[in-house]
């Protein structure tokens, strides 16, 4: 494996991490902003009001998006295995 192929694999791995993390992070961001807005409007400053809904929303989004994550990771691993077999 030469340097260009190694950089290409690293780039694909970084893009895969972003592709997998983005939906979960966006759900966490949306829930966090909405809870912060509710806290600002009602002046309720309870610290657990931020964390509990955000954790529940992130776990639910991981549960919902997991089949897509698995398919993307399987496709990436297939491409990587094809490169490894092509080298040998």
N, C-alpha and C. Protein backbone atom coordinates (compact mmCIF):
# COMPACT_ATOMS: atom_id res chain seq x y z
N UNK A 1 0.86 -1.17 0.00
CA UNK A 1 0.00 0.00 0.00
C UNK A 1 0.90 1.23 0.00
N UNK A 2 0.73 2.06 -1.01
CA UNK A 2 1.55 3.26 -1.08
C UNK A 2 0.92 4.40 -0.29
N UNK A 3 1.60 5.52 -0.32
CA UNK A 3 1.19 6.64 0.52
C UNK A 3 -0.17 7.21 0.09
N UNK A 4 -0.44 7.28 -1.20
CA UNK A 4 -1.73 7.85 -1.66
C UNK A 4 -2.90 6.98 -1.22
N UNK A 5 -2.73 5.66 -1.30
CA UNK A 5 -3.81 4.77 -0.87
C UNK A 5 -4.04 4.86 0.63
N UNK A 6 -2.96 4.99 1.38
CA UNK A 6 -3.09 5.12 2.83
C UNK A 6 -3.82 6.41 3.21
N UNK A 7 -3.49 7.49 2.54
CA UNK A 7 -4.18 8.77 2.79
C UNK A 7 -5.64 8.67 2.38
N UNK A 8 -5.92 7.97 1.30
CA UNK A 8 -7.30 7.80 0.84
C UNK A 8 -8.11 6.99 1.85
N UNK A 9 -7.52 5.92 2.39
CA UNK A 9 -8.22 5.12 3.39
C UNK A 9 -8.46 5.93 4.66
N UNK A 10 -7.46 6.71 5.07
CA UNK A 10 -7.63 7.56 6.26
C UNK A 10 -8.72 8.60 6.04
N UNK A 11 -8.76 9.18 4.84
CA UNK A 11 -9.80 10.17 4.53
C UNK A 11 -11.18 9.53 4.57
N UNK A 12 -11.31 8.34 3.98
CA UNK A 12 -12.59 7.64 4.01
C UNK A 12 -13.01 7.29 5.44
N UNK A 13 -12.04 6.92 6.28
CA UNK A 13 -12.36 6.59 7.67
C UNK A 13 -12.84 7.82 8.43
N UNK A 14 -12.20 8.95 8.19
CA UNK A 14 -12.64 10.19 8.86
C UNK A 14 -14.03 10.59 8.39
N UNK A 15 -14.28 10.49 7.09
CA UNK A 15 -15.62 10.80 6.57
C UNK A 15 -16.67 9.83 7.12
N UNK A 16 -16.29 8.57 7.32
CA UNK A 16 -17.21 7.59 7.91
C UNK A 16 -17.55 7.98 9.35
N UNK A 17 -16.54 8.40 10.10
CA UNK A 17 -16.80 8.83 11.48
C UNK A 17 -17.75 10.03 11.52
N UNK A 18 -17.53 10.97 10.61
CA UNK A 18 -18.41 12.14 10.56
C UNK A 18 -19.82 11.73 10.15
N UNK A 19 -19.91 10.83 9.17
CA UNK A 19 -21.23 10.38 8.69
C UNK A 19 -21.99 9.64 9.79
N UNK A 20 -21.30 8.91 10.61
CA UNK A 20 -21.97 8.16 11.67
C UNK A 20 -22.30 9.06 12.86
N UNK A 21 -21.42 9.99 13.18
CA UNK A 21 -21.64 10.83 14.36
C UNK A 21 -22.60 11.99 14.11
N UNK A 22 -22.71 12.46 12.88
CA UNK A 22 -23.49 13.66 12.60
C UNK A 22 -24.97 13.55 12.99
N UNK A 23 -25.69 12.47 12.63
CA UNK A 23 -27.11 12.45 13.01
C UNK A 23 -27.34 12.47 14.52
N UNK A 24 -26.51 11.74 15.25
CA UNK A 24 -26.66 11.69 16.70
C UNK A 24 -26.32 13.05 17.32
N UNK A 25 -25.27 13.68 16.82
CA UNK A 25 -24.88 14.98 17.35
C UNK A 25 -25.93 16.05 17.01
N UNK A 26 -26.54 15.97 15.84
CA UNK A 26 -27.57 16.94 15.48
C UNK A 26 -28.82 16.77 16.34
N UNK A 27 -29.16 15.54 16.68
CA UNK A 27 -30.29 15.31 17.59
C UNK A 27 -29.98 15.89 18.96
N UNK A 28 -28.77 15.64 19.45
CA UNK A 28 -28.36 16.22 20.74
C UNK A 28 -28.37 17.73 20.72
N UNK A 29 -27.93 18.31 19.61
CA UNK A 29 -27.93 19.76 19.47
C UNK A 29 -29.35 20.31 19.47
N UNK A 30 -30.25 19.68 18.72
CA UNK A 30 -31.63 20.15 18.64
C UNK A 30 -32.32 20.06 20.00
N UNK A 31 -32.12 18.96 20.71
CA UNK A 31 -32.75 18.80 22.02
C UNK A 31 -32.14 19.80 23.01
N UNK A 32 -30.84 19.98 22.96
CA UNK A 32 -30.19 20.93 23.86
C UNK A 32 -30.65 22.36 23.64
N UNK A 33 -30.77 22.76 22.38
CA UNK A 33 -31.23 24.12 22.08
C UNK A 33 -32.68 24.31 22.49
N UNK A 34 -33.51 23.30 22.23
CA UNK A 34 -34.92 23.44 22.61
C UNK A 34 -35.09 23.49 24.13
N UNK A 35 -34.34 22.68 24.85
CA UNK A 35 -34.42 22.73 26.32
C UNK A 35 -33.88 24.06 26.84
N UNK A 36 -32.80 24.56 26.24
CA UNK A 36 -32.27 25.86 26.65
C UNK A 36 -33.27 26.98 26.38
N UNK A 37 -33.98 26.87 25.27
CA UNK A 37 -35.00 27.87 24.96
C UNK A 37 -36.13 27.83 25.98
N UNK A 38 -36.57 26.62 26.33
CA UNK A 38 -37.62 26.48 27.35
C UNK A 38 -37.13 27.02 28.69
N UNK A 39 -35.87 26.74 29.03
CA UNK A 39 -35.33 27.25 30.30
C UNK A 39 -35.26 28.77 30.29
N UNK A 40 -34.88 29.35 29.16
CA UNK A 40 -34.79 30.81 29.08
C UNK A 40 -36.16 31.46 29.14
N UNK A 41 -37.15 30.82 28.52
CA UNK A 41 -38.49 31.40 28.53
C UNK A 41 -39.18 31.27 29.88
N UNK A 42 -38.93 30.15 30.57
CA UNK A 42 -39.62 29.92 31.84
C UNK A 42 -38.76 30.27 33.05
N UNK A 43 -37.48 30.58 32.83
CA UNK A 43 -36.52 30.90 33.89
C UNK A 43 -36.39 29.77 34.90
N UNK A 44 -36.56 28.54 34.44
CA UNK A 44 -36.28 27.36 35.27
C UNK A 44 -34.84 26.96 35.01
N UNK A 45 -34.00 27.00 36.03
CA UNK A 45 -32.58 26.72 35.85
C UNK A 45 -32.18 25.42 36.54
N UNK A 46 -32.93 24.38 36.30
CA UNK A 46 -32.61 23.06 36.86
C UNK A 46 -31.60 22.38 35.95
N UNK A 47 -30.47 21.95 36.50
CA UNK A 47 -29.38 21.40 35.70
C UNK A 47 -29.74 20.04 35.11
N UNK A 48 -30.51 19.23 35.84
CA UNK A 48 -30.87 17.91 35.31
C UNK A 48 -31.89 18.01 34.18
N UNK A 49 -32.54 19.14 34.05
CA UNK A 49 -33.50 19.33 32.96
C UNK A 49 -32.81 19.32 31.61
N UNK A 50 -31.52 19.63 31.57
CA UNK A 50 -30.77 19.61 30.31
C UNK A 50 -30.28 18.20 30.00
N UNK A 51 -29.72 17.52 30.97
CA UNK A 51 -29.02 16.27 30.70
C UNK A 51 -29.95 15.09 30.44
N UNK A 52 -30.98 14.94 31.22
CA UNK A 52 -31.83 13.75 31.10
C UNK A 52 -32.52 13.67 29.73
N UNK A 53 -33.19 14.71 29.25
CA UNK A 53 -33.81 14.60 27.92
C UNK A 53 -32.78 14.43 26.80
N UNK A 54 -31.62 15.08 26.96
CA UNK A 54 -30.60 14.96 25.93
C UNK A 54 -30.05 13.54 25.87
N UNK A 55 -29.81 12.91 27.01
CA UNK A 55 -29.31 11.54 27.04
C UNK A 55 -30.34 10.58 26.46
N UNK A 56 -31.60 10.77 26.82
CA UNK A 56 -32.65 9.90 26.28
C UNK A 56 -32.77 10.07 24.77
N UNK A 57 -32.71 11.31 24.29
CA UNK A 57 -32.83 11.55 22.85
C UNK A 57 -31.64 10.97 22.09
N UNK A 58 -30.44 11.06 22.66
CA UNK A 58 -29.26 10.51 22.00
C UNK A 58 -29.35 8.99 21.95
N UNK A 59 -29.75 8.35 23.04
CA UNK A 59 -29.90 6.90 23.03
C UNK A 59 -30.96 6.45 22.03
N UNK A 60 -32.06 7.16 21.97
CA UNK A 60 -33.10 6.81 21.00
C UNK A 60 -32.63 7.01 19.57
N UNK A 61 -31.87 8.08 19.32
CA UNK A 61 -31.38 8.30 17.96
C UNK A 61 -30.35 7.24 17.57
N UNK A 62 -29.52 6.80 18.50
CA UNK A 62 -28.59 5.71 18.20
C UNK A 62 -29.38 4.45 17.87
N UNK A 63 -30.42 4.18 18.64
CA UNK A 63 -31.25 3.00 18.38
C UNK A 63 -31.92 3.08 17.01
N UNK A 64 -32.41 4.25 16.64
CA UNK A 64 -33.11 4.41 15.37
C UNK A 64 -32.14 4.36 14.18
N UNK A 65 -30.99 5.02 14.31
CA UNK A 65 -30.05 5.12 13.20
C UNK A 65 -29.08 3.95 13.11
N UNK A 66 -29.10 3.01 14.06
CA UNK A 66 -28.11 1.93 14.09
C UNK A 66 -28.11 1.07 12.82
N UNK A 67 -29.25 0.70 12.25
CA UNK A 67 -29.17 -0.10 11.01
C UNK A 67 -28.45 0.63 9.88
N UNK A 68 -28.67 1.91 9.75
CA UNK A 68 -27.95 2.68 8.73
C UNK A 68 -26.47 2.77 9.02
N UNK A 69 -26.12 2.94 10.30
CA UNK A 69 -24.71 2.96 10.69
C UNK A 69 -24.05 1.63 10.35
N UNK A 70 -24.74 0.53 10.66
CA UNK A 70 -24.17 -0.79 10.40
C UNK A 70 -23.98 -1.01 8.90
N UNK A 71 -24.94 -0.60 8.10
CA UNK A 71 -24.80 -0.78 6.65
C UNK A 71 -23.65 0.05 6.10
N UNK A 72 -23.48 1.28 6.59
CA UNK A 72 -22.37 2.12 6.13
C UNK A 72 -21.03 1.53 6.54
N UNK A 73 -20.95 1.00 7.75
CA UNK A 73 -19.70 0.41 8.20
C UNK A 73 -19.39 -0.89 7.46
N UNK A 74 -20.41 -1.67 7.14
CA UNK A 74 -20.20 -2.90 6.37
C UNK A 74 -19.71 -2.55 4.97
N UNK A 75 -20.29 -1.55 4.36
CA UNK A 75 -19.85 -1.13 3.02
C UNK A 75 -18.41 -0.64 3.06
N UNK A 76 -18.05 0.12 4.09
CA UNK A 76 -16.67 0.60 4.23
C UNK A 76 -15.71 -0.57 4.41
N UNK A 77 -16.09 -1.54 5.23
CA UNK A 77 -15.22 -2.69 5.46
C UNK A 77 -15.09 -3.53 4.20
N UNK A 78 -16.16 -3.65 3.41
CA UNK A 78 -16.07 -4.37 2.14
C UNK A 78 -15.08 -3.69 1.19
N UNK A 79 -15.16 -2.36 1.09
CA UNK A 79 -14.21 -1.63 0.24
C UNK A 79 -12.78 -1.80 0.74
N UNK A 80 -12.61 -1.76 2.05
CA UNK A 80 -11.28 -1.92 2.63
C UNK A 80 -10.75 -3.33 2.40
N UNK A 81 -11.59 -4.34 2.56
CA UNK A 81 -11.17 -5.72 2.33
C UNK A 81 -10.83 -5.92 0.85
N UNK A 82 -11.58 -5.32 -0.06
CA UNK A 82 -11.27 -5.43 -1.47
C UNK A 82 -9.90 -4.82 -1.78
N UNK A 83 -9.58 -3.72 -1.15
CA UNK A 83 -8.25 -3.11 -1.34
C UNK A 83 -7.15 -4.03 -0.81
N UNK A 84 -7.39 -4.64 0.35
CA UNK A 84 -6.38 -5.53 0.93
C UNK A 84 -6.17 -6.75 0.03
N UNK A 85 -7.24 -7.33 -0.48
CA UNK A 85 -7.14 -8.50 -1.35
C UNK A 85 -6.47 -8.10 -2.67
N UNK A 86 -6.76 -6.92 -3.16
CA UNK A 86 -6.16 -6.45 -4.41
C UNK A 86 -4.66 -6.25 -4.29
N UNK A 87 -4.19 -5.97 -3.09
CA UNK A 87 -2.74 -5.77 -2.88
C UNK A 87 -2.02 -7.10 -2.93
N UNK A 88 -2.59 -8.12 -2.26
CA UNK A 88 -1.93 -9.41 -2.14
C UNK A 88 -2.01 -10.17 -3.35
